[in-house]
């Protein structure tokens, strides 16, 4: 896989409207370039990374008040010698699986990559667990503003119960529908955090650790109308989107980010020229997706890999997590 060295070396200087945050670098991390090169040369490509299917309680509840049990897939960090940081994945509107029932290549690629960097990954299946098909064209009952943030916080608490996970070093990461879920999850009116506070009030009055960082790829609902004019967050957030994305458009997301950063939200935001939806997907040909046409706006989504954007995004996410999570 080609390495975008120019993108790697310009990481910390070229980020659009990047705000500084007081992260602590792990001792073994020397630079974003070193991290990315270690990842690319670590030999995980083609390796047998096993995942474990687990059933976890969402903070969402059924009609009887019992927790909704959802499936998730746990990828443990490679060669770990102690508790590791972790990342929770929130899939897109088409769900987490291919038509053949395999985990989507994008999630697998990112999970293996992060495993090689020393992080565990928990990929949450919000749809199949609820017998819900794709929500790409007509939406559905599994909302990014309600049910899925509760899934995200259920996943956070599950990871924090595992002895091989660092409870104070868990991040959130999502794509498209899942990227919108990230925004709703880390915002001031997060239904996941609110439900979590109700359920897990501690006798000592100290709340359990929250997510320490979040990444949203081409997020849906990245606009002031959906999130509210007073939206902000204390959780460091990286948003990456494509300038030519007709599905989750960059312009309203840009305006939203400007408003949020004006309220001191620690957001790093980057728009990739020429990139469309799914630009970070491995080896996905660019094509129209008429099966996902919006019945109201009649917009036909375009999806596909943009190699330069993908390489740069890998480097940015690598550096971002190195600061926020360490290893």
C-alpha atoms as a PDB file:
ATOM      1  CA  UNK A   1       0.000   0.000   0.000  1.00  0.00           C
ATOM      2  CA  UNK A   2       1.478   3.379  -0.945  1.00  0.00           C
ATOM      3  CA  UNK A   3       2.418   5.730   1.861  1.00  0.00           C
ATOM      4  CA  UNK A   4       1.544   9.412   1.537  1.00  0.00           C
ATOM      5  CA  UNK A   5       4.719  10.789   3.151  1.00  0.00           C
ATOM      6  CA  UNK A   6       3.855  14.392   2.358  1.00  0.00           C
ATOM      7  CA  UNK A   7       0.504  13.986   4.077  1.00  0.00           C
ATOM      8  CA  UNK A   8       2.181  12.362   7.058  1.00  0.00           C
ATOM      9  CA  UNK A   9       4.775  15.065   7.557  1.00  0.00           C
ATOM     10  CA  UNK A  10       2.225  17.889   7.226  1.00  0.00           C
ATOM     11  CA  UNK A  11      -0.202  16.341   9.701  1.00  0.00           C
ATOM     12  CA  UNK A  12       0.128  18.798  12.518  1.00  0.00           C
ATOM     13  CA  UNK A  13       0.397  21.916  10.356  1.00  0.00           C
ATOM     14  CA  UNK A  14      -2.247  21.547   7.642  1.00  0.00           C
ATOM     15  CA  UNK A  15      -5.365  20.589   9.610  1.00  0.00           C
ATOM     16  CA  UNK A  16      -8.308  22.842   8.758  1.00  0.00           C
ATOM     17  CA  UNK A  17      -9.226  24.911  11.823  1.00  0.00           C
ATOM     18  CA  UNK A  18      -7.343  22.573  14.159  1.00  0.00           C
ATOM     19  CA  UNK A  19      -7.539  23.470  17.843  1.00  0.00           C
ATOM     20  CA  UNK A  20      -4.839  22.469  20.303  1.00  0.00           C
ATOM     21  CA  UNK A  21      -5.731  20.057  23.100  1.00  0.00           C
ATOM     22  CA  UNK A  22      -3.606  19.030  26.084  1.00  0.00           C
ATOM     23  CA  UNK A  23      -3.130  15.393  25.110  1.00  0.00           C
ATOM     24  CA  UNK A  24      -0.297  13.333  26.506  1.00  0.00           C
ATOM     25  CA  UNK A  25       1.831  11.316  24.111  1.00  0.00           C
ATOM     26  CA  UNK A  26       2.567   7.733  25.070  1.00  0.00           C
ATOM     27  CA  UNK A  27       6.210   7.077  25.842  1.00  0.00           C
ATOM     28  CA  UNK A  28       6.625   4.621  23.026  1.00  0.00           C
ATOM     29  CA  UNK A  29       5.234   7.011  20.430  1.00  0.00           C
ATOM     30  CA  UNK A  30       7.863   9.242  18.877  1.00  0.00           C
ATOM     31  CA  UNK A  31       6.030  10.935  15.984  1.00  0.00           C
ATOM     32  CA  UNK A  32       2.963  10.597  13.735  1.00  0.00           C
ATOM     33  CA  UNK A  33       5.291   9.433  10.951  1.00  0.00           C
ATOM     34  CA  UNK A  34       6.797   6.710  13.115  1.00  0.00           C
ATOM     35  CA  UNK A  35       3.386   5.497  14.206  1.00  0.00           C
ATOM     36  CA  UNK A  36       2.027   5.334  10.673  1.00  0.00           C
ATOM     37  CA  UNK A  37       5.121   3.594   9.316  1.00  0.00           C
ATOM     38  CA  UNK A  38       5.003   1.070  12.152  1.00  0.00           C
ATOM     39  CA  UNK A  39       1.393   0.354  11.303  1.00  0.00           C
ATOM     40  CA  UNK A  40       2.123  -0.071   7.605  1.00  0.00           C
ATOM     41  CA  UNK A  41       5.142  -2.285   8.219  1.00  0.00           C
ATOM     42  CA  UNK A  42       3.790  -4.364  11.093  1.00  0.00           C
ATOM     43  CA  UNK A  43       2.618  -7.181   8.871  1.00  0.00           C
ATOM     44  CA  UNK A  44      -1.079  -7.159   9.722  1.00  0.00           C
ATOM     45  CA  UNK A  45      -2.086  -7.195   6.055  1.00  0.00           C
ATOM     46  CA  UNK A  46      -3.424 -10.670   5.403  1.00  0.00           C
ATOM     47  CA  UNK A  47      -2.899 -11.724   9.006  1.00  0.00           C
ATOM     48  CA  UNK A  48      -5.441 -13.814  10.859  1.00  0.00           C
ATOM     49  CA  UNK A  49      -7.026 -11.300  13.195  1.00  0.00           C
ATOM     50  CA  UNK A  50      -9.772 -13.112  15.070  1.00  0.00           C
ATOM     51  CA  UNK A  51     -12.820 -11.390  16.435  1.00  0.00           C
ATOM     52  CA  UNK A  52     -15.111 -12.563  19.200  1.00  0.00           C
ATOM     53  CA  UNK A  53     -18.870 -12.131  18.932  1.00  0.00           C
ATOM     54  CA  UNK A  54     -20.333 -10.876  22.198  1.00  0.00           C
ATOM     55  CA  UNK A  55     -23.776  -9.839  23.391  1.00  0.00           C
ATOM     56  CA  UNK A  56     -23.817  -6.598  25.358  1.00  0.00           C
ATOM     57  CA  UNK A  57     -26.559  -4.568  27.068  1.00  0.00           C
ATOM     58  CA  UNK A  58     -27.347  -1.316  25.328  1.00  0.00           C
ATOM     59  CA  UNK A  59     -28.520   1.540  27.498  1.00  0.00           C
ATOM     60  CA  UNK A  60     -31.603   1.430  25.273  1.00  0.00           C
ATOM     61  CA  UNK A  61     -34.578  -0.400  26.844  1.00  0.00           C
ATOM     62  CA  UNK A  62     -37.384  -2.510  25.415  1.00  0.00           C
ATOM     63  CA  UNK A  63     -41.095  -2.101  26.134  1.00  0.00           C
ATOM     64  CA  UNK A  64     -40.722  -3.921  29.449  1.00  0.00           C
ATOM     65  CA  UNK A  65     -37.873  -1.696  30.571  1.00  0.00           C
ATOM     66  CA  UNK A  66     -35.216  -4.390  30.151  1.00  0.00           C
ATOM     67  CA  UNK A  67     -31.957  -3.490  28.395  1.00  0.00           C
ATOM     68  CA  UNK A  68     -31.896  -4.202  24.663  1.00  0.00           C
ATOM     69  CA  UNK A  69     -29.204  -6.793  24.038  1.00  0.00           C
ATOM     70  CA  UNK A  70     -27.096  -6.060  20.987  1.00  0.00           C
ATOM     71  CA  UNK A  71     -24.412  -7.992  19.171  1.00  0.00           C
ATOM     72  CA  UNK A  72     -20.896  -6.656  18.950  1.00  0.00           C
ATOM     73  CA  UNK A  73     -17.577  -7.950  17.673  1.00  0.00           C
ATOM     74  CA  UNK A  74     -14.485  -7.641  19.832  1.00  0.00           C
ATOM     75  CA  UNK A  75     -11.081  -7.411  18.143  1.00  0.00           C
ATOM     76  CA  UNK A  76      -8.334  -7.585  20.736  1.00  0.00           C
ATOM     77  CA  UNK A  77      -5.091  -5.670  20.347  1.00  0.00           C
ATOM     78  CA  UNK A  78      -2.143  -7.507  18.835  1.00  0.00           C
ATOM     79  CA  UNK A  79       0.621  -8.696  21.166  1.00  0.00           C
ATOM     80  CA  UNK A  80      -0.785  -6.883  24.199  1.00  0.00           C
ATOM     81  CA  UNK A  81       1.129  -7.343  27.458  1.00  0.00           C
ATOM     82  CA  UNK A  82      -1.388  -5.506  29.640  1.00  0.00           C
ATOM     83  CA  UNK A  83      -4.638  -3.548  29.551  1.00  0.00           C
ATOM     84  CA  UNK A  84      -5.027  -1.651  26.289  1.00  0.00           C
ATOM     85  CA  UNK A  85      -6.964   1.373  25.043  1.00  0.00           C
ATOM     86  CA  UNK A  86     -10.005   0.622  22.899  1.00  0.00           C
ATOM     87  CA  UNK A  87     -12.185   2.100  20.169  1.00  0.00           C
ATOM     88  CA  UNK A  88     -15.951   1.608  19.728  1.00  0.00           C
ATOM     89  CA  UNK A  89     -17.110   1.406  16.082  1.00  0.00           C
ATOM     90  CA  UNK A  90     -20.526   2.616  14.878  1.00  0.00           C
ATOM     91  CA  UNK A  91     -21.367   1.356  11.380  1.00  0.00           C
ATOM     92  CA  UNK A  92     -23.094   3.215   8.533  1.00  0.00           C
ATOM     93  CA  UNK A  93     -26.693   3.189   7.322  1.00  0.00           C
ATOM     94  CA  UNK A  94     -26.292  -0.081   5.403  1.00  0.00           C
ATOM     95  CA  UNK A  95     -25.348  -2.012   8.513  1.00  0.00           C
ATOM     96  CA  UNK A  96     -22.188  -3.842   9.432  1.00  0.00           C
ATOM     97  CA  UNK A  97     -22.345  -6.807   7.072  1.00  0.00           C
ATOM     98  CA  UNK A  98     -21.999  -7.613   3.396  1.00  0.00           C
ATOM     99  CA  UNK A  99     -24.662  -9.529   1.493  1.00  0.00           C
ATOM    100  CA  UNK A 100     -22.688 -12.684   2.253  1.00  0.00           C
ATOM    101  CA  UNK A 101     -22.949 -12.024   5.985  1.00  0.00           C
ATOM    102  CA  UNK A 102     -19.339 -11.001   6.512  1.00  0.00           C
ATOM    103  CA  UNK A 103     -18.212  -7.933   8.431  1.00  0.00           C
ATOM    104  CA  UNK A 104     -17.825  -5.018   6.055  1.00  0.00           C
ATOM    105  CA  UNK A 105     -14.332  -4.495   4.610  1.00  0.00           C
ATOM    106  CA  UNK A 106     -14.101  -0.930   5.908  1.00  0.00           C
ATOM    107  CA  UNK A 107     -14.674  -1.946   9.508  1.00  0.00           C
ATOM    108  CA  UNK A 108     -12.348  -4.939   9.153  1.00  0.00           C
ATOM    109  CA  UNK A 109      -9.606  -2.798   7.650  1.00  0.00           C
ATOM    110  CA  UNK A 110      -9.804  -0.210  10.403  1.00  0.00           C
ATOM    111  CA  UNK A 111     -10.114  -2.830  13.161  1.00  0.00           C
ATOM    112  CA  UNK A 112      -7.009  -4.692  12.001  1.00  0.00           C
ATOM    113  CA  UNK A 113      -5.118  -1.442  11.567  1.00  0.00           C
ATOM    114  CA  UNK A 114      -5.977  -0.229  15.077  1.00  0.00           C
ATOM    115  CA  UNK A 115      -5.266  -3.670  16.550  1.00  0.00           C
ATOM    116  CA  UNK A 116      -1.763  -3.456  15.077  1.00  0.00           C
ATOM    117  CA  UNK A 117      -1.319  -0.094  16.787  1.00  0.00           C
ATOM    118  CA  UNK A 118      -2.161  -1.580  20.185  1.00  0.00           C
ATOM    119  CA  UNK A 119      -5.875  -0.796  20.489  1.00  0.00           C
ATOM    120  CA  UNK A 120      -8.788  -3.169  20.993  1.00  0.00           C
ATOM    121  CA  UNK A 121     -11.899  -2.551  18.875  1.00  0.00           C
ATOM    122  CA  UNK A 122     -15.552  -3.241  19.673  1.00  0.00           C
ATOM    123  CA  UNK A 123     -17.697  -3.023  16.517  1.00  0.00           C
ATOM    124  CA  UNK A 124     -21.340  -2.517  17.534  1.00  0.00           C
ATOM    125  CA  UNK A 125     -24.150  -4.026  15.443  1.00  0.00           C
ATOM    126  CA  UNK A 126     -27.107  -1.711  16.015  1.00  0.00           C
ATOM    127  CA  UNK A 127     -29.224  -3.031  13.118  1.00  0.00           C
ATOM    128  CA  UNK A 128     -29.077  -6.839  12.892  1.00  0.00           C
ATOM    129  CA  UNK A 129     -29.503  -7.026  16.663  1.00  0.00           C
ATOM    130  CA  UNK A 130     -32.885  -5.341  16.227  1.00  0.00           C
ATOM    131  CA  UNK A 131     -33.834  -7.219  13.026  1.00  0.00           C
ATOM    132  CA  UNK A 132     -33.456  -3.940  11.156  1.00  0.00           C
ATOM    133  CA  UNK A 133     -32.284  -3.861   7.504  1.00  0.00           C
ATOM    134  CA  UNK A 134     -30.542  -1.009   5.712  1.00  0.00           C
ATOM    135  CA  UNK A 135     -31.691   2.512   6.555  1.00  0.00           C
ATOM    136  CA  UNK A 136     -29.857   4.194   3.678  1.00  0.00           C
ATOM    137  CA  UNK A 137     -32.865   5.099   1.508  1.00  0.00           C
ATOM    138  CA  UNK A 138     -35.863   5.457   3.778  1.00  0.00           C
ATOM    139  CA  UNK A 139     -34.461   5.767   7.280  1.00  0.00           C
ATOM    140  CA  UNK A 140     -35.783   3.559  10.054  1.00  0.00           C
ATOM    141  CA  UNK A 141     -36.505   3.182  13.744  1.00  0.00           C
ATOM    142  CA  UNK A 142     -32.871   2.817  14.872  1.00  0.00           C
ATOM    143  CA  UNK A 143     -32.116   6.512  15.151  1.00  0.00           C
ATOM    144  CA  UNK A 144     -28.645   8.076  15.335  1.00  0.00           C
ATOM    145  CA  UNK A 145     -30.077  10.586  17.787  1.00  0.00           C
ATOM    146  CA  UNK A 146     -31.596   8.163  20.314  1.00  0.00           C
ATOM    147  CA  UNK A 147     -31.043   4.405  20.139  1.00  0.00           C
ATOM    148  CA  UNK A 148     -27.538   4.403  18.729  1.00  0.00           C
ATOM    149  CA  UNK A 149     -25.959   6.773  21.276  1.00  0.00           C
ATOM    150  CA  UNK A 150     -27.370   4.450  23.923  1.00  0.00           C
ATOM    151  CA  UNK A 151     -25.698   1.564  22.095  1.00  0.00           C
ATOM    152  CA  UNK A 152     -22.429   3.516  22.086  1.00  0.00           C
ATOM    153  CA  UNK A 153     -22.519   4.089  25.832  1.00  0.00           C
ATOM    154  CA  UNK A 154     -23.531   0.493  26.465  1.00  0.00           C
ATOM    155  CA  UNK A 155     -20.431  -0.511  24.490  1.00  0.00           C
ATOM    156  CA  UNK A 156     -18.290   1.899  26.513  1.00  0.00           C
ATOM    157  CA  UNK A 157     -19.468   0.436  29.807  1.00  0.00           C
ATOM    158  CA  UNK A 158     -19.030  -3.122  28.526  1.00  0.00           C
ATOM    159  CA  UNK A 159     -15.429  -2.442  27.538  1.00  0.00           C
ATOM    160  CA  UNK A 160     -14.757  -0.815  30.890  1.00  0.00           C
ATOM    161  CA  UNK A 161     -15.871  -4.035  32.590  1.00  0.00           C
ATOM    162  CA  UNK A 162     -13.137  -6.053  30.866  1.00  0.00           C
ATOM    163  CA  UNK A 163      -9.861  -6.507  32.753  1.00  0.00           C
ATOM    164  CA  UNK A 164      -7.742  -6.192  29.605  1.00  0.00           C
ATOM    165  CA  UNK A 165      -9.146  -2.768  28.632  1.00  0.00           C
ATOM    166  CA  UNK A 166      -8.032   0.570  30.068  1.00  0.00           C
ATOM    167  CA  UNK A 167     -11.305   2.101  31.309  1.00  0.00           C
ATOM    168  CA  UNK A 168      -9.996   5.657  30.974  1.00  0.00           C
ATOM    169  CA  UNK A 169      -8.802   5.236  27.376  1.00  0.00           C
ATOM    170  CA  UNK A 170     -11.820   4.421  25.192  1.00  0.00           C
ATOM    171  CA  UNK A 171     -12.666   6.346  21.997  1.00  0.00           C
ATOM    172  CA  UNK A 172     -15.686   6.418  19.678  1.00  0.00           C
ATOM    173  CA  UNK A 173     -15.531   6.196  15.871  1.00  0.00           C
ATOM    174  CA  UNK A 174     -18.279   6.116  13.253  1.00  0.00           C
ATOM    175  CA  UNK A 175     -19.047   6.454   9.550  1.00  0.00           C
ATOM    176  CA  UNK A 176     -21.974   8.262   7.881  1.00  0.00           C
ATOM    177  CA  UNK A 177     -25.046   7.200   9.920  1.00  0.00           C
ATOM    178  CA  UNK A 178     -22.551   6.128  12.573  1.00  0.00           C
ATOM    179  CA  UNK A 179     -20.699   9.430  12.177  1.00  0.00           C
ATOM    180  CA  UNK A 180     -23.948  11.246  12.931  1.00  0.00           C
ATOM    181  CA  UNK A 181     -24.315   8.933  15.909  1.00  0.00           C
ATOM    182  CA  UNK A 182     -20.918  10.158  17.116  1.00  0.00           C
ATOM    183  CA  UNK A 183     -22.106  13.796  16.990  1.00  0.00           C
ATOM    184  CA  UNK A 184     -25.294  13.012  18.894  1.00  0.00           C
ATOM    185  CA  UNK A 185     -23.327  10.892  21.396  1.00  0.00           C
ATOM    186  CA  UNK A 186     -20.684  13.459  22.353  1.00  0.00           C
ATOM    187  CA  UNK A 187     -22.966  16.512  22.251  1.00  0.00           C
ATOM    188  CA  UNK A 188     -24.529  18.355  25.201  1.00  0.00           C
ATOM    189  CA  UNK A 189     -27.883  16.543  24.958  1.00  0.00           C
ATOM    190  CA  UNK A 190     -26.468  13.063  24.421  1.00  0.00           C
ATOM    191  CA  UNK A 191     -29.208  10.498  25.105  1.00  0.00           C
ATOM    192  CA  UNK A 192     -26.483   7.951  25.732  1.00  0.00           C
ATOM    193  CA  UNK A 193     -24.754  10.000  28.394  1.00  0.00           C
ATOM    194  CA  UNK A 194     -28.068  11.022  29.970  1.00  0.00           C
ATOM    195  CA  UNK A 195     -29.235   7.419  30.183  1.00  0.00           C
ATOM    196  CA  UNK A 196     -25.854   6.380  31.509  1.00  0.00           C
ATOM    197  CA  UNK A 197     -26.003   8.971  34.290  1.00  0.00           C
ATOM    198  CA  UNK A 198     -29.418   7.674  35.357  1.00  0.00           C
ATOM    199  CA  UNK A 199     -28.328   4.057  35.382  1.00  0.00           C
ATOM    200  CA  UNK A 200     -24.847   4.277  36.828  1.00  0.00           C
ATOM    201  CA  UNK A 201     -24.961   6.826  39.616  1.00  0.00           C
ATOM    202  CA  UNK A 202     -21.964   5.891  41.758  1.00  0.00           C
ATOM    203  CA  UNK A 203     -22.131   5.710  45.570  1.00  0.00           C
ATOM    204  CA  UNK A 204     -19.049   7.914  45.752  1.00  0.00           C
ATOM    205  CA  UNK A 205     -20.605  10.458  43.379  1.00  0.00           C
ATOM    206  CA  UNK A 206     -17.838  10.021  40.814  1.00  0.00           C
ATOM    207  CA  UNK A 207     -19.025   9.266  37.274  1.00  0.00           C
ATOM    208  CA  UNK A 208     -17.432   6.495  35.262  1.00  0.00           C
ATOM    209  CA  UNK A 209     -14.948   7.718  32.627  1.00  0.00           C
ATOM    210  CA  UNK A 210     -16.469   9.083  29.433  1.00  0.00           C
ATOM    211  CA  UNK A 211     -15.132   8.636  25.907  1.00  0.00           C
ATOM    212  CA  UNK A 212     -11.806  10.437  25.697  1.00  0.00           C
ATOM    213  CA  UNK A 213     -11.898  11.097  21.948  1.00  0.00           C
ATOM    214  CA  UNK A 214     -14.154  10.646  18.937  1.00  0.00           C
ATOM    215  CA  UNK A 215     -13.801  10.391  15.149  1.00  0.00           C
ATOM    216  CA  UNK A 216     -16.620  10.978  12.639  1.00  0.00           C
ATOM    217  CA  UNK A 217     -16.161  10.139   8.968  1.00  0.00           C
ATOM    218  CA  UNK A 218     -18.488  11.993   6.552  1.00  0.00           C
ATOM    219  CA  UNK A 219     -21.109  12.234   9.309  1.00  0.00           C
ATOM    220  CA  UNK A 220     -24.806  12.531   8.628  1.00  0.00           C
ATOM    221  CA  UNK A 221     -26.690  15.225  10.534  1.00  0.00           C
ATOM    222  CA  UNK A 222     -23.558  17.372  10.604  1.00  0.00           C
ATOM    223  CA  UNK A 223     -25.463  20.634  10.520  1.00  0.00           C
ATOM    224  CA  UNK A 224     -26.833  23.187  12.942  1.00  0.00           C
ATOM    225  CA  UNK A 225     -30.448  22.338  12.191  1.00  0.00           C
ATOM    226  CA  UNK A 226     -30.021  18.731  13.328  1.00  0.00           C
ATOM    227  CA  UNK A 227     -27.646  19.340  16.239  1.00  0.00           C
ATOM    228  CA  UNK A 228     -28.923  22.678  17.531  1.00  0.00           C
ATOM    229  CA  UNK A 229     -27.320  26.110  17.606  1.00  0.00           C
ATOM    230  CA  UNK A 230     -25.941  25.522  21.110  1.00  0.00           C
ATOM    231  CA  UNK A 231     -24.187  22.239  20.242  1.00  0.00           C
ATOM    232  CA  UNK A 232     -20.735  21.824  21.729  1.00  0.00           C
ATOM    233  CA  UNK A 233     -18.605  19.094  23.257  1.00  0.00           C
ATOM    234  CA  UNK A 234     -15.739  18.663  25.677  1.00  0.00           C
ATOM    235  CA  UNK A 235     -14.593  15.473  23.980  1.00  0.00           C
ATOM    236  CA  UNK A 236     -11.831  16.009  21.379  1.00  0.00           C
ATOM    237  CA  UNK A 237     -13.438  15.304  18.006  1.00  0.00           C
ATOM    238  CA  UNK A 238     -11.927  14.650  14.575  1.00  0.00           C
ATOM    239  CA  UNK A 239     -14.278  15.106  11.592  1.00  0.00           C
ATOM    240  CA  UNK A 240     -13.168  14.035   8.102  1.00  0.00           C
ATOM    241  CA  UNK A 241     -15.382  14.540   5.048  1.00  0.00           C
ATOM    242  CA  UNK A 242     -15.238  14.834   1.266  1.00  0.00           C
ATOM    243  CA  UNK A 243     -15.749  18.026  -0.715  1.00  0.00           C
ATOM    244  CA  UNK A 244     -17.635  16.141  -3.463  1.00  0.00           C
ATOM    245  CA  UNK A 245     -19.847  14.099  -1.130  1.00  0.00           C
ATOM    246  CA  UNK A 246     -23.449  14.618  -2.283  1.00  0.00           C
ATOM    247  CA  UNK A 247     -24.849  12.367   0.441  1.00  0.00           C
ATOM    248  CA  UNK A 248     -23.458  14.036   3.560  1.00  0.00           C
ATOM    249  CA  UNK A 249     -22.499  17.435   2.231  1.00  0.00           C
ATOM    250  CA  UNK A 250     -19.442  19.302   3.422  1.00  0.00           C
ATOM    251  CA  UNK A 251     -20.775  22.881   3.365  1.00  0.00           C
ATOM    252  CA  UNK A 252     -23.391  22.597   6.155  1.00  0.00           C
ATOM    253  CA  UNK A 253     -20.924  20.515   8.189  1.00  0.00           C
ATOM    254  CA  UNK A 254     -18.314  23.237   7.754  1.00  0.00           C
ATOM    255  CA  UNK A 255     -20.742  25.911   8.988  1.00  0.00           C
ATOM    256  CA  UNK A 256     -21.721  23.724  11.938  1.00  0.00           C
ATOM    257  CA  UNK A 257     -18.085  23.201  12.903  1.00  0.00           C
ATOM    258  CA  UNK A 258     -17.409  26.930  12.732  1.00  0.00           C
ATOM    259  CA  UNK A 259     -20.270  27.564  15.165  1.00  0.00           C
ATOM    260  CA  UNK A 260     -19.117  24.793  17.508  1.00  0.00           C
ATOM    261  CA  UNK A 261     -15.472  25.866  17.543  1.00  0.00           C
ATOM    262  CA  UNK A 262     -16.629  29.399  18.316  1.00  0.00           C
ATOM    263  CA  UNK A 263     -17.990  27.859  21.525  1.00  0.00           C
ATOM    264  CA  UNK A 264     -14.558  26.313  22.227  1.00  0.00           C
ATOM    265  CA  UNK A 265     -15.453  22.782  21.113  1.00  0.00           C
ATOM    266  CA  UNK A 266     -12.128  20.910  20.555  1.00  0.00           C
ATOM    267  CA  UNK A 267     -12.810  19.925  16.938  1.00  0.00           C
ATOM    268  CA  UNK A 268     -10.283  19.071  14.257  1.00  0.00           C
ATOM    269  CA  UNK A 269     -11.969  19.295  10.857  1.00  0.00           C
ATOM    270  CA  UNK A 270     -10.702  18.482   7.380  1.00  0.00           C
ATOM    271  CA  UNK A 271     -12.386  18.521   3.965  1.00  0.00           C
ATOM    272  CA  UNK A 272     -10.771  16.417   1.207  1.00  0.00           C
ATOM    273  CA  UNK A 273     -10.955  17.938  -2.294  1.00  0.00           C
ATOM    274  CA  UNK A 274     -12.374  15.503  -4.854  1.00  0.00           C
ATOM    275  CA  UNK A 275     -13.415  12.928  -2.250  1.00  0.00           C
ATOM    276  CA  UNK A 276     -16.886  11.353  -2.168  1.00  0.00           C
ATOM    277  CA  UNK A 277     -18.692   9.239   0.418  1.00  0.00           C
ATOM    278  CA  UNK A 278     -16.754   6.174   1.657  1.00  0.00           C
ATOM    279  CA  UNK A 279     -13.421   7.686   0.552  1.00  0.00           C
ATOM    280  CA  UNK A 280     -11.576   5.691   3.249  1.00  0.00           C
ATOM    281  CA  UNK A 281     -13.048   2.360   2.136  1.00  0.00           C
ATOM    282  CA  UNK A 282     -10.359  -0.049   0.854  1.00  0.00           C
ATOM    283  CA  UNK A 283     -10.447  -0.533  -2.930  1.00  0.00           C
ATOM    284  CA  UNK A 284     -14.048   0.553  -3.532  1.00  0.00           C
ATOM    285  CA  UNK A 285     -14.683   1.725  -7.126  1.00  0.00           C
ATOM    286  CA  UNK A 286     -16.361   5.126  -7.403  1.00  0.00           C
ATOM    287  CA  UNK A 287     -19.954   4.653  -8.599  1.00  0.00           C
ATOM    288  CA  UNK A 288     -23.488   5.926  -8.287  1.00  0.00           C
ATOM    289  CA  UNK A 289     -25.749   4.165  -5.764  1.00  0.00           C
ATOM    290  CA  UNK A 290     -29.301   4.502  -7.151  1.00  0.00           C
ATOM    291  CA  UNK A 291     -30.570   1.913  -4.647  1.00  0.00           C
ATOM    292  CA  UNK A 292     -29.964   4.518  -1.939  1.00  0.00           C
ATOM    293  CA  UNK A 293     -31.671   7.417  -3.712  1.00  0.00           C
ATOM    294  CA  UNK A 294     -33.332   9.780  -1.262  1.00  0.00           C
ATOM    295  CA  UNK A 295     -37.089   9.601  -2.025  1.00  0.00           C
ATOM    296  CA  UNK A 296     -37.599  13.196  -0.902  1.00  0.00           C
ATOM    297  CA  UNK A 297     -34.621  14.990  -2.477  1.00  0.00           C
ATOM    298  CA  UNK A 298     -33.960  12.410  -5.250  1.00  0.00           C
ATOM    299  CA  UNK A 299     -30.215  12.724  -4.571  1.00  0.00           C
ATOM    300  CA  UNK A 300     -28.316   9.699  -5.869  1.00  0.00           C
ATOM    301  CA  UNK A 301     -25.344   8.980  -3.564  1.00  0.00           C
ATOM    302  CA  UNK A 302     -21.870   8.471  -4.998  1.00  0.00           C
ATOM    303  CA  UNK A 303     -19.457   6.270  -3.078  1.00  0.00           C
ATOM    304  CA  UNK A 304     -15.895   5.117  -3.588  1.00  0.00           C
ATOM    305  CA  UNK A 305     -12.280   5.198  -2.470  1.00  0.00           C
ATOM    306  CA  UNK A 306     -10.143   8.306  -2.950  1.00  0.00           C
ATOM    307  CA  UNK A 307      -6.619   6.946  -2.392  1.00  0.00           C
ATOM    308  CA  UNK A 308      -4.936  10.223  -1.406  1.00  0.00           C
ATOM    309  CA  UNK A 309      -7.734  11.098   1.026  1.00  0.00           C
ATOM    310  CA  UNK A 310      -7.694   7.580   2.445  1.00  0.00           C
ATOM    311  CA  UNK A 311      -3.941   7.664   3.051  1.00  0.00           C
ATOM    312  CA  UNK A 312      -4.127  11.072   4.691  1.00  0.00           C
ATOM    313  CA  UNK A 313      -7.110  10.048   6.832  1.00  0.00           C
ATOM    314  CA  UNK A 314      -5.240   6.976   8.067  1.00  0.00           C
ATOM    315  CA  UNK A 315      -2.336   9.191   9.092  1.00  0.00           C
ATOM    316  CA  UNK A 316      -4.598  11.745  10.793  1.00  0.00           C
ATOM    317  CA  UNK A 317      -6.559   9.143  12.746  1.00  0.00           C
ATOM    318  CA  UNK A 318      -3.319   7.408  13.748  1.00  0.00           C
ATOM    319  CA  UNK A 319      -1.853  10.632  15.111  1.00  0.00           C
ATOM    320  CA  UNK A 320      -5.129  11.682  16.745  1.00  0.00           C
ATOM    321  CA  UNK A 321      -5.501   8.422  18.642  1.00  0.00           C
ATOM    322  CA  UNK A 322      -1.820   8.388  19.587  1.00  0.00           C
ATOM    323  CA  UNK A 323      -2.371  11.677  21.403  1.00  0.00           C
ATOM    324  CA  UNK A 324      -5.748  10.832  22.904  1.00  0.00           C
ATOM    325  CA  UNK A 325      -5.226   7.178  23.797  1.00  0.00           C
ATOM    326  CA  UNK A 326      -1.554   6.302  23.747  1.00  0.00           C
ATOM    327  CA  UNK A 327      -0.715   2.594  23.830  1.00  0.00           C
END
